[in-house]
Amino acid sequence: LTLDFLVSAPIWRHVEQARILYVTGFLLNDSKDCVMKLGEHAAKENKRFVFNLSAPYISKVFPEECRRTIEFSDIVTGNSDEVRALVRNLGLEPSGEVSDLHSAIRQIAALPKVNKKRERMVVITQGPKDILVFEQGRVREFPVREMPVSEIVDTTGAGDAFVGGFLSELVQGKEVEWCVERGIQAAHLIMQQLGCTRPSALTSTFEDDLEKISPSSFEQDLVKEKISPDSFTDSNIIQENVCRNGKKHLNAESKVVTHGIF
């Protein structure tokens, strides 16, 4: 991705129309100027800017670039290994030992921020352990439902599917509980596929899809609210409706990146 391509009229038009801008740490390898351009645009226009840490090595190789990207970021997301690496590589923990994830999340949230109109949220996955979310000055824990080992085919892309599901709710103004739940559902679906691919066919109604994923009490609330797949077409991040043989099917797809472990 080059800066000339990014700012070309056909591409930049989509940037201007977007409400959330999402970048991954992998872009810092050879597209740092693009990341900074997007961050500056988000801050100026008061749009949410989301930074996925992507891999532990990113903050080791590009510590200052990560620091600068986080200054633009309204949301920082990653897994526990990536968070520990970031805190070490930015020198936020003098001892170099990062044993307390709650403390690490608070340190990341407290880093300088360009757009001061909203505080920074930090969202961390820990595999099968609780999702940790820092918002409004506190760390919240959201349990991850157990998934039978027999249903796990491949974990590739599950972390990115989680972020896609999370953002698909956030862009609609949903509460963080909804965002986390949708992220978990998307991750579980991806883990039942070989490679980072969307399910080839799911059931015809959203209620049936929820039942397929061991419904929690929160999911039952979604059913009671009679949320239909049509309500997700705006986001175009993780949920989309397609017509096949006259029937509507709900498909989960991570449209941004294709790597990550949940």
C-alpha atoms as a PDB file:
ATOM      1  CA  LEU A   1       0.000   0.000   0.000  1.00  0.00           C
ATOM      2  CA  THR A   2       1.518   3.293  -1.109  1.00  0.00           C
ATOM      3  CA  LEU A   3       0.579   6.805  -0.068  1.00  0.00           C
ATOM      4  CA  ASP A   4      -0.059   7.810  -3.683  1.00  0.00           C
ATOM      5  CA  PHE A   5      -2.566   4.977  -4.034  1.00  0.00           C
ATOM      6  CA  LEU A   6      -4.233   5.766  -0.706  1.00  0.00           C
ATOM      7  CA  VAL A   7      -4.800   9.448  -1.488  1.00  0.00           C
ATOM      8  CA  SER A   8      -5.920   8.848  -5.069  1.00  0.00           C
ATOM      9  CA  ALA A   9      -9.460  10.116  -5.569  1.00  0.00           C
ATOM     10  CA  PRO A  10     -11.224   6.725  -5.971  1.00  0.00           C
ATOM     11  CA  ILE A  11      -9.626   5.345  -2.793  1.00  0.00           C
ATOM     12  CA  TRP A  12      -9.621   8.421  -0.570  1.00  0.00           C
ATOM     13  CA  ARG A  13     -13.345   8.861  -1.237  1.00  0.00           C
ATOM     14  CA  HIS A  14     -13.953   5.646   0.714  1.00  0.00           C
ATOM     15  CA  VAL A  15     -11.722   6.876   3.533  1.00  0.00           C
ATOM     16  CA  GLU A  16     -13.743  10.066   3.781  1.00  0.00           C
ATOM     17  CA  GLN A  17     -17.004   8.113   3.905  1.00  0.00           C
ATOM     18  CA  ALA A  18     -15.809   5.669   6.577  1.00  0.00           C
ATOM     19  CA  ARG A  19     -16.852   6.100  10.196  1.00  0.00           C
ATOM     20  CA  ILE A  20     -14.184   3.733  11.578  1.00  0.00           C
ATOM     21  CA  LEU A  21     -10.651   3.376  10.241  1.00  0.00           C
ATOM     22  CA  TYR A  22      -8.903   0.100  11.057  1.00  0.00           C
ATOM     23  CA  VAL A  23      -5.197  -0.612  10.578  1.00  0.00           C
ATOM     24  CA  THR A  24      -2.990  -3.515  11.581  1.00  0.00           C
ATOM     25  CA  GLY A  25       0.577  -3.545  12.817  1.00  0.00           C
ATOM     26  CA  PHE A  26       1.649  -5.375   9.672  1.00  0.00           C
ATOM     27  CA  LEU A  27       1.164  -2.136   7.728  1.00  0.00           C
ATOM     28  CA  LEU A  28       4.077  -0.645   9.657  1.00  0.00           C
ATOM     29  CA  ASN A  29       6.417  -2.928   7.710  1.00  0.00           C
ATOM     30  CA  ASP A  30       6.249  -0.870   4.523  1.00  0.00           C
ATOM     31  CA  SER A  31       3.264   1.494   4.713  1.00  0.00           C
ATOM     32  CA  LYS A  32       4.020   3.665   7.756  1.00  0.00           C
ATOM     33  CA  ASP A  33       3.172   6.854   5.893  1.00  0.00           C
ATOM     34  CA  CYS A  34      -0.266   5.463   5.029  1.00  0.00           C
ATOM     35  CA  VAL A  35      -0.953   4.558   8.659  1.00  0.00           C
ATOM     36  CA  MET A  36      -0.017   8.068   9.793  1.00  0.00           C
ATOM     37  CA  LYS A  37      -2.121   9.679   7.056  1.00  0.00           C
ATOM     38  CA  LEU A  38      -5.149   7.660   8.134  1.00  0.00           C
ATOM     39  CA  GLY A  39      -4.497   8.452  11.795  1.00  0.00           C
ATOM     40  CA  GLU A  40      -4.264  12.161  11.098  1.00  0.00           C
ATOM     41  CA  HIS A  41      -7.503  12.073   9.097  1.00  0.00           C
ATOM     42  CA  ALA A  42      -9.312  10.190  11.864  1.00  0.00           C
ATOM     43  CA  ALA A  43      -8.166  12.649  14.526  1.00  0.00           C
ATOM     44  CA  LYS A  44      -9.069  15.688  12.451  1.00  0.00           C
ATOM     45  CA  GLU A  45     -12.536  14.376  11.553  1.00  0.00           C
ATOM     46  CA  ASN A  46     -13.194  12.810  14.985  1.00  0.00           C
ATOM     47  CA  LYS A  47     -13.552   9.304  13.548  1.00  0.00           C
ATOM     48  CA  ARG A  48     -12.702   6.188  15.486  1.00  0.00           C
ATOM     49  CA  PHE A  49      -9.224   4.904  14.678  1.00  0.00           C
ATOM     50  CA  VAL A  50      -8.549   1.242  15.512  1.00  0.00           C
ATOM     51  CA  PHE A  51      -5.080  -0.309  15.760  1.00  0.00           C
ATOM     52  CA  ASN A  52      -4.578  -4.080  15.825  1.00  0.00           C
ATOM     53  CA  LEU A  53      -1.157  -4.939  17.301  1.00  0.00           C
ATOM     54  CA  SER A  54      -1.018  -7.979  14.964  1.00  0.00           C
ATOM     55  CA  ALA A  55       2.103  -9.779  16.278  1.00  0.00           C
ATOM     56  CA  PRO A  56       4.623  -9.488  19.135  1.00  0.00           C
ATOM     57  CA  TYR A  57       7.519  -8.741  16.773  1.00  0.00           C
ATOM     58  CA  ILE A  58       5.851  -5.614  15.385  1.00  0.00           C
ATOM     59  CA  SER A  59       6.424  -3.542  18.531  1.00  0.00           C
ATOM     60  CA  LYS A  60       9.994  -4.871  18.807  1.00  0.00           C
ATOM     61  CA  VAL A  61      10.951  -3.883  15.260  1.00  0.00           C
ATOM     62  CA  PHE A  62       8.844  -0.712  15.090  1.00  0.00           C
ATOM     63  CA  PRO A  63       8.504   0.591  18.682  1.00  0.00           C
ATOM     64  CA  GLU A  64       8.301   4.298  17.827  1.00  0.00           C
ATOM     65  CA  GLU A  65       5.934   3.689  14.937  1.00  0.00           C
ATOM     66  CA  CYS A  66       3.681   1.721  17.284  1.00  0.00           C
ATOM     67  CA  ARG A  67       3.828   4.513  19.838  1.00  0.00           C
ATOM     68  CA  ARG A  68       2.856   7.090  17.236  1.00  0.00           C
ATOM     69  CA  THR A  69       0.048   4.923  15.866  1.00  0.00           C
ATOM     70  CA  ILE A  70      -1.337   4.446  19.365  1.00  0.00           C
ATOM     71  CA  GLU A  71      -1.370   8.227  19.820  1.00  0.00           C
ATOM     72  CA  PHE A  72      -3.966   8.341  17.034  1.00  0.00           C
ATOM     73  CA  SER A  73      -5.825   5.271  18.276  1.00  0.00           C
ATOM     74  CA  ASP A  74      -9.226   5.302  19.936  1.00  0.00           C
ATOM     75  CA  ILE A  75      -9.154   1.516  20.197  1.00  0.00           C
ATOM     76  CA  VAL A  76      -6.118  -0.740  20.550  1.00  0.00           C
ATOM     77  CA  THR A  77      -6.694  -4.460  20.174  1.00  0.00           C
ATOM     78  CA  GLY A  78      -4.508  -7.540  20.290  1.00  0.00           C
ATOM     79  CA  ASN A  79      -3.852 -10.716  22.208  1.00  0.00           C
ATOM     80  CA  SER A  80      -2.103 -11.067  25.547  1.00  0.00           C
ATOM     81  CA  ASP A  81       1.304 -11.881  24.013  1.00  0.00           C
ATOM     82  CA  GLU A  82       1.146  -8.802  21.791  1.00  0.00           C
ATOM     83  CA  VAL A  83       0.210  -6.593  24.744  1.00  0.00           C
ATOM     84  CA  ARG A  84       3.071  -7.891  26.883  1.00  0.00           C
ATOM     85  CA  ALA A  85       5.509  -7.352  24.031  1.00  0.00           C
ATOM     86  CA  LEU A  86       4.236  -3.807  23.448  1.00  0.00           C
ATOM     87  CA  VAL A  87       4.607  -2.824  27.109  1.00  0.00           C
ATOM     88  CA  ARG A  88       8.173  -4.213  27.174  1.00  0.00           C
ATOM     89  CA  ASN A  89       9.228  -2.703  23.862  1.00  0.00           C
ATOM     90  CA  LEU A  90       7.863   0.750  24.677  1.00  0.00           C
ATOM     91  CA  GLY A  91       9.653   0.688  28.037  1.00  0.00           C
ATOM     92  CA  LEU A  92       6.421   1.075  29.972  1.00  0.00           C
ATOM     93  CA  GLU A  93       7.516  -1.587  32.465  1.00  0.00           C
ATOM     94  CA  PRO A  94      11.061  -0.859  33.761  1.00  0.00           C
ATOM     95  CA  SER A  95      11.597  -4.432  34.949  1.00  0.00           C
ATOM     96  CA  GLY A  96      10.673  -5.848  31.564  1.00  0.00           C
ATOM     97  CA  GLU A  97       8.383  -8.341  33.270  1.00  0.00           C
ATOM     98  CA  VAL A  98       4.705  -8.011  32.397  1.00  0.00           C
ATOM     99  CA  SER A  99       2.761 -10.311  34.697  1.00  0.00           C
ATOM    100  CA  ASP A 100      -0.312  -8.161  35.348  1.00  0.00           C
ATOM    101  CA  LEU A 101      -2.373  -7.743  32.185  1.00  0.00           C
ATOM    102  CA  HIS A 102      -4.784  -5.351  33.892  1.00  0.00           C
ATOM    103  CA  SER A 103      -1.877  -3.031  34.662  1.00  0.00           C
ATOM    104  CA  ALA A 104      -0.504  -3.398  31.121  1.00  0.00           C
ATOM    105  CA  ILE A 105      -3.869  -2.475  29.618  1.00  0.00           C
ATOM    106  CA  ARG A 106      -4.090   0.614  31.808  1.00  0.00           C
ATOM    107  CA  GLN A 107      -0.593   1.661  30.746  1.00  0.00           C
ATOM    108  CA  ILE A 108      -1.548   1.408  27.076  1.00  0.00           C
ATOM    109  CA  ALA A 109      -4.788   3.308  27.659  1.00  0.00           C
ATOM    110  CA  ALA A 110      -2.863   6.082  29.429  1.00  0.00           C
ATOM    111  CA  LEU A 111      -0.433   6.746  26.548  1.00  0.00           C
ATOM    112  CA  PRO A 112      -0.711  10.210  24.944  1.00  0.00           C
ATOM    113  CA  LYS A 113      -3.638  10.658  22.566  1.00  0.00           C
ATOM    114  CA  VAL A 114      -4.089  13.157  19.719  1.00  0.00           C
ATOM    115  CA  ASN A 115      -7.895  13.189  19.665  1.00  0.00           C
ATOM    116  CA  LYS A 116      -8.937  13.947  23.226  1.00  0.00           C
ATOM    117  CA  LYS A 117     -12.676  13.969  22.494  1.00  0.00           C
ATOM    118  CA  ARG A 118     -12.958  10.309  23.566  1.00  0.00           C
ATOM    119  CA  GLU A 119     -10.857   8.135  25.825  1.00  0.00           C
ATOM    120  CA  ARG A 120      -8.946   5.165  24.486  1.00  0.00           C
ATOM    121  CA  MET A 121     -10.441   1.674  24.670  1.00  0.00           C
ATOM    122  CA  VAL A 122      -8.171  -1.389  24.850  1.00  0.00           C
ATOM    123  CA  VAL A 123      -9.536  -4.809  23.870  1.00  0.00           C
ATOM    124  CA  ILE A 124      -7.463  -7.909  24.600  1.00  0.00           C
ATOM    125  CA  THR A 125      -8.084 -11.560  23.781  1.00  0.00           C
ATOM    126  CA  GLN A 126      -6.520 -14.424  25.730  1.00  0.00           C
ATOM    127  CA  GLY A 127      -7.424 -17.527  23.746  1.00  0.00           C
ATOM    128  CA  PRO A 128     -10.022 -19.435  25.788  1.00  0.00           C
ATOM    129  CA  LYS A 129      -9.688 -17.046  28.743  1.00  0.00           C
ATOM    130  CA  ASP A 130     -11.714 -13.888  29.395  1.00  0.00           C
ATOM    131  CA  ILE A 131     -11.777 -10.992  26.954  1.00  0.00           C
ATOM    132  CA  LEU A 132     -10.409  -7.901  28.720  1.00  0.00           C
ATOM    133  CA  VAL A 133     -11.792  -4.489  27.803  1.00  0.00           C
ATOM    134  CA  PHE A 134     -10.600  -1.190  29.259  1.00  0.00           C
ATOM    135  CA  GLU A 135     -13.203   1.556  28.989  1.00  0.00           C
ATOM    136  CA  GLN A 136     -14.393   4.412  31.172  1.00  0.00           C
ATOM    137  CA  GLY A 137     -11.474   4.030  33.538  1.00  0.00           C
ATOM    138  CA  ARG A 138     -11.892   0.342  34.370  1.00  0.00           C
ATOM    139  CA  VAL A 139     -11.019  -3.093  33.051  1.00  0.00           C
ATOM    140  CA  ARG A 140     -13.990  -5.349  32.374  1.00  0.00           C
ATOM    141  CA  GLU A 141     -13.818  -9.126  31.916  1.00  0.00           C
ATOM    142  CA  PHE A 142     -16.046 -11.036  29.512  1.00  0.00           C
ATOM    143  CA  PRO A 143     -15.979 -14.848  29.664  1.00  0.00           C
ATOM    144  CA  VAL A 144     -15.445 -16.856  26.500  1.00  0.00           C
ATOM    145  CA  ARG A 145     -17.745 -19.836  26.108  1.00  0.00           C
ATOM    146  CA  GLU A 146     -16.000 -23.182  25.957  1.00  0.00           C
ATOM    147  CA  MET A 147     -15.832 -24.671  22.500  1.00  0.00           C
ATOM    148  CA  PRO A 148     -15.687 -28.473  22.140  1.00  0.00           C
ATOM    149  CA  VAL A 149     -12.270 -29.579  20.875  1.00  0.00           C
ATOM    150  CA  SER A 150     -14.037 -31.733  18.307  1.00  0.00           C
ATOM    151  CA  GLU A 151     -15.432 -28.574  16.663  1.00  0.00           C
ATOM    152  CA  ILE A 152     -12.077 -26.767  16.358  1.00  0.00           C
ATOM    153  CA  VAL A 153     -10.646 -27.183  12.870  1.00  0.00           C
ATOM    154  CA  ASP A 154      -8.179 -24.285  12.561  1.00  0.00           C
ATOM    155  CA  THR A 155      -7.590 -21.180  14.680  1.00  0.00           C
ATOM    156  CA  THR A 156      -6.058 -19.169  11.820  1.00  0.00           C
ATOM    157  CA  GLY A 157      -7.849 -15.847  11.466  1.00  0.00           C
ATOM    158  CA  ALA A 158      -9.958 -16.228  14.591  1.00  0.00           C
ATOM    159  CA  GLY A 159      -8.439 -13.172  16.258  1.00  0.00           C
ATOM    160  CA  ASP A 160      -9.174 -11.031  13.236  1.00  0.00           C
ATOM    161  CA  ALA A 161     -12.684 -12.457  12.991  1.00  0.00           C
ATOM    162  CA  PHE A 162     -13.189 -11.408  16.621  1.00  0.00           C
ATOM    163  CA  VAL A 163     -12.152  -7.844  15.781  1.00  0.00           C
ATOM    164  CA  GLY A 164     -14.416  -7.830  12.728  1.00  0.00           C
ATOM    165  CA  GLY A 165     -17.381  -9.004  14.761  1.00  0.00           C
ATOM    166  CA  PHE A 166     -16.616  -6.494  17.497  1.00  0.00           C
ATOM    167  CA  LEU A 167     -16.409  -3.593  15.045  1.00  0.00           C
ATOM    168  CA  SER A 168     -19.560  -4.647  13.192  1.00  0.00           C
ATOM    169  CA  GLU A 169     -21.511  -3.902  16.372  1.00  0.00           C
ATOM    170  CA  LEU A 170     -19.493  -0.844  17.365  1.00  0.00           C
ATOM    171  CA  VAL A 171     -20.155   0.893  14.045  1.00  0.00           C
ATOM    172  CA  GLN A 172     -23.864   0.570  14.797  1.00  0.00           C
ATOM    173  CA  GLY A 173     -23.461   2.231  18.180  1.00  0.00           C
ATOM    174  CA  LYS A 174     -23.993  -0.953  20.203  1.00  0.00           C
ATOM    175  CA  GLU A 175     -22.783  -1.356  23.784  1.00  0.00           C
ATOM    176  CA  VAL A 176     -19.478  -3.103  24.401  1.00  0.00           C
ATOM    177  CA  GLU A 177     -21.272  -6.247  25.616  1.00  0.00           C
ATOM    178  CA  TRP A 178     -22.877  -6.657  22.196  1.00  0.00           C
ATOM    179  CA  CYS A 179     -19.547  -5.984  20.482  1.00  0.00           C
ATOM    180  CA  VAL A 180     -17.698  -8.635  22.485  1.00  0.00           C
ATOM    181  CA  GLU A 181     -20.441 -11.219  22.012  1.00  0.00           C
ATOM    182  CA  ARG A 182     -20.500 -10.754  18.256  1.00  0.00           C
ATOM    183  CA  GLY A 183     -16.705 -10.986  18.169  1.00  0.00           C
ATOM    184  CA  ILE A 184     -16.773 -14.294  20.056  1.00  0.00           C
ATOM    185  CA  GLN A 185     -19.423 -15.680  17.708  1.00  0.00           C
ATOM    186  CA  ALA A 186     -17.398 -14.695  14.635  1.00  0.00           C
ATOM    187  CA  ALA A 187     -14.225 -16.248  16.093  1.00  0.00           C
ATOM    188  CA  HIS A 188     -16.040 -19.483  16.895  1.00  0.00           C
ATOM    189  CA  LEU A 189     -17.390 -19.696  13.358  1.00  0.00           C
ATOM    190  CA  ILE A 190     -13.957 -19.143  11.800  1.00  0.00           C
ATOM    191  CA  MET A 191     -12.411 -21.781  14.060  1.00  0.00           C
ATOM    192  CA  GLN A 192     -14.750 -24.356  12.545  1.00  0.00           C
ATOM    193  CA  GLN A 193     -13.310 -23.740   9.052  1.00  0.00           C
ATOM    194  CA  LEU A 194     -10.026 -24.759   7.450  1.00  0.00           C
ATOM    195  CA  GLY A 195      -8.004 -21.610   6.935  1.00  0.00           C
ATOM    196  CA  CYS A 196      -9.325 -18.066   7.201  1.00  0.00           C
ATOM    197  CA  THR A 197     -12.498 -18.700   5.227  1.00  0.00           C
ATOM    198  CA  ARG A 198     -16.123 -17.886   5.855  1.00  0.00           C
ATOM    199  CA  PRO A 199     -18.605 -20.733   6.314  1.00  0.00           C
ATOM    200  CA  SER A 200     -19.895 -21.856   2.924  1.00  0.00           C
ATOM    201  CA  ALA A 201     -23.506 -21.952   4.131  1.00  0.00           C
ATOM    202  CA  LEU A 202     -25.230 -21.159   7.384  1.00  0.00           C
ATOM    203  CA  THR A 203     -28.806 -21.485   8.469  1.00  0.00           C
ATOM    204  CA  SER A 204     -31.469 -19.251   6.994  1.00  0.00           C
ATOM    205  CA  THR A 205     -32.317 -17.243  10.094  1.00  0.00           C
ATOM    206  CA  PHE A 206     -30.261 -15.338  12.598  1.00  0.00           C
ATOM    207  CA  GLU A 207     -31.973 -17.118  15.484  1.00  0.00           C
ATOM    208  CA  ASP A 208     -30.866 -20.502  14.089  1.00  0.00           C
ATOM    209  CA  ASP A 209     -27.298 -19.234  13.758  1.00  0.00           C
ATOM    210  CA  LEU A 210     -27.282 -18.231  17.408  1.00  0.00           C
ATOM    211  CA  GLU A 211     -28.513 -21.661  18.440  1.00  0.00           C
ATOM    212  CA  LYS A 212     -25.703 -23.249  16.462  1.00  0.00           C
ATOM    213  CA  ILE A 213     -23.127 -21.522  18.666  1.00  0.00           C
ATOM    214  CA  SER A 214     -24.169 -22.823  22.095  1.00  0.00           C
ATOM    215  CA  PRO A 215     -26.396 -19.876  23.015  1.00  0.00           C
ATOM    216  CA  SER A 216     -25.530 -17.962  26.140  1.00  0.00           C
ATOM    217  CA  SER A 217     -28.056 -15.946  28.114  1.00  0.00           C
ATOM    218  CA  PHE A 218     -26.828 -12.871  26.279  1.00  0.00           C
ATOM    219  CA  GLU A 219     -27.540 -14.504  22.930  1.00  0.00           C
ATOM    220  CA  GLN A 220     -31.015 -15.384  24.132  1.00  0.00           C
ATOM    221  CA  ASP A 221     -31.534 -11.660  24.711  1.00  0.00           C
ATOM    222  CA  LEU A 222     -30.561 -11.048  21.086  1.00  0.00           C
ATOM    223  CA  VAL A 223     -33.222 -13.507  19.981  1.00  0.00           C
ATOM    224  CA  LYS A 224     -35.827 -11.854  22.187  1.00  0.00           C
ATOM    225  CA  GLU A 225     -34.929  -8.504  20.616  1.00  0.00           C
ATOM    226  CA  LYS A 226     -35.699 -10.113  17.218  1.00  0.00           C
ATOM    227  CA  ILE A 227     -32.499  -8.816  15.660  1.00  0.00           C
ATOM    228  CA  SER A 228     -32.503  -9.780  11.963  1.00  0.00           C
ATOM    229  CA  PRO A 229     -29.515 -10.141   9.623  1.00  0.00           C
ATOM    230  CA  ASP A 230     -30.673  -7.029   7.762  1.00  0.00           C
ATOM    231  CA  SER A 231     -29.570  -4.874  10.670  1.00  0.00           C
ATOM    232  CA  PHE A 232     -25.943  -5.789   9.986  1.00  0.00           C
ATOM    233  CA  THR A 233     -25.639  -4.850   6.339  1.00  0.00           C
ATOM    234  CA  ASP A 234     -24.563  -1.271   7.092  1.00  0.00           C
ATOM    235  CA  SER A 235     -21.248  -2.215   8.665  1.00  0.00           C
ATOM    236  CA  ASN A 236     -19.858  -4.305   5.790  1.00  0.00           C
ATOM    237  CA  ILE A 237     -17.127  -5.413   8.188  1.00  0.00           C
ATOM    238  CA  ILE A 238     -18.151  -8.847   9.397  1.00  0.00           C
ATOM    239  CA  GLN A 239     -21.824  -9.507   8.657  1.00  0.00           C
ATOM    240  CA  GLU A 240     -23.322  -9.500   5.213  1.00  0.00           C
ATOM    241  CA  ASN A 241     -26.509 -10.807   3.642  1.00  0.00           C
ATOM    242  CA  VAL A 242     -26.477 -12.551   0.312  1.00  0.00           C
ATOM    243  CA  CYS A 243     -29.327 -14.035  -1.697  1.00  0.00           C
ATOM    244  CA  ARG A 244     -29.025 -17.672  -2.712  1.00  0.00           C
ATOM    245  CA  ASN A 245     -31.855 -19.576  -4.362  1.00  0.00           C
ATOM    246  CA  GLY A 246     -34.339 -17.037  -3.081  1.00  0.00           C
ATOM    247  CA  LYS A 247     -33.238 -17.494   0.561  1.00  0.00           C
ATOM    248  CA  LYS A 248     -31.248 -15.143   2.741  1.00  0.00           C
ATOM    249  CA  HIS A 249     -28.190 -16.556   4.437  1.00  0.00           C
ATOM    250  CA  LEU A 250     -26.048 -14.927   7.081  1.00  0.00           C
ATOM    251  CA  ASN A 251     -22.361 -15.172   6.298  1.00  0.00           C
ATOM    252  CA  ALA A 252     -19.458 -14.221   8.549  1.00  0.00           C
ATOM    253  CA  GLU A 253     -16.428 -12.752   6.890  1.00  0.00           C
ATOM    254  CA  SER A 254     -13.366 -10.888   8.132  1.00  0.00           C
ATOM    255  CA  LYS A 255     -12.767  -8.438   5.295  1.00  0.00           C
ATOM    256  CA  VAL A 256      -9.640  -6.715   6.574  1.00  0.00           C
ATOM    257  CA  VAL A 257      -6.779  -9.086   7.355  1.00  0.00           C
ATOM    258  CA  THR A 258      -6.209 -12.809   7.245  1.00  0.00           C
ATOM    259  CA  HIS A 259      -3.896 -13.715  10.102  1.00  0.00           C
ATOM    260  CA  GLY A 260      -4.196 -13.990  13.872  1.00  0.00           C
ATOM    261  CA  ILE A 261      -4.733 -16.354  16.740  1.00  0.00           C
ATOM    262  CA  PHE A 262      -7.668 -15.769  19.085  1.00  0.00           C
END
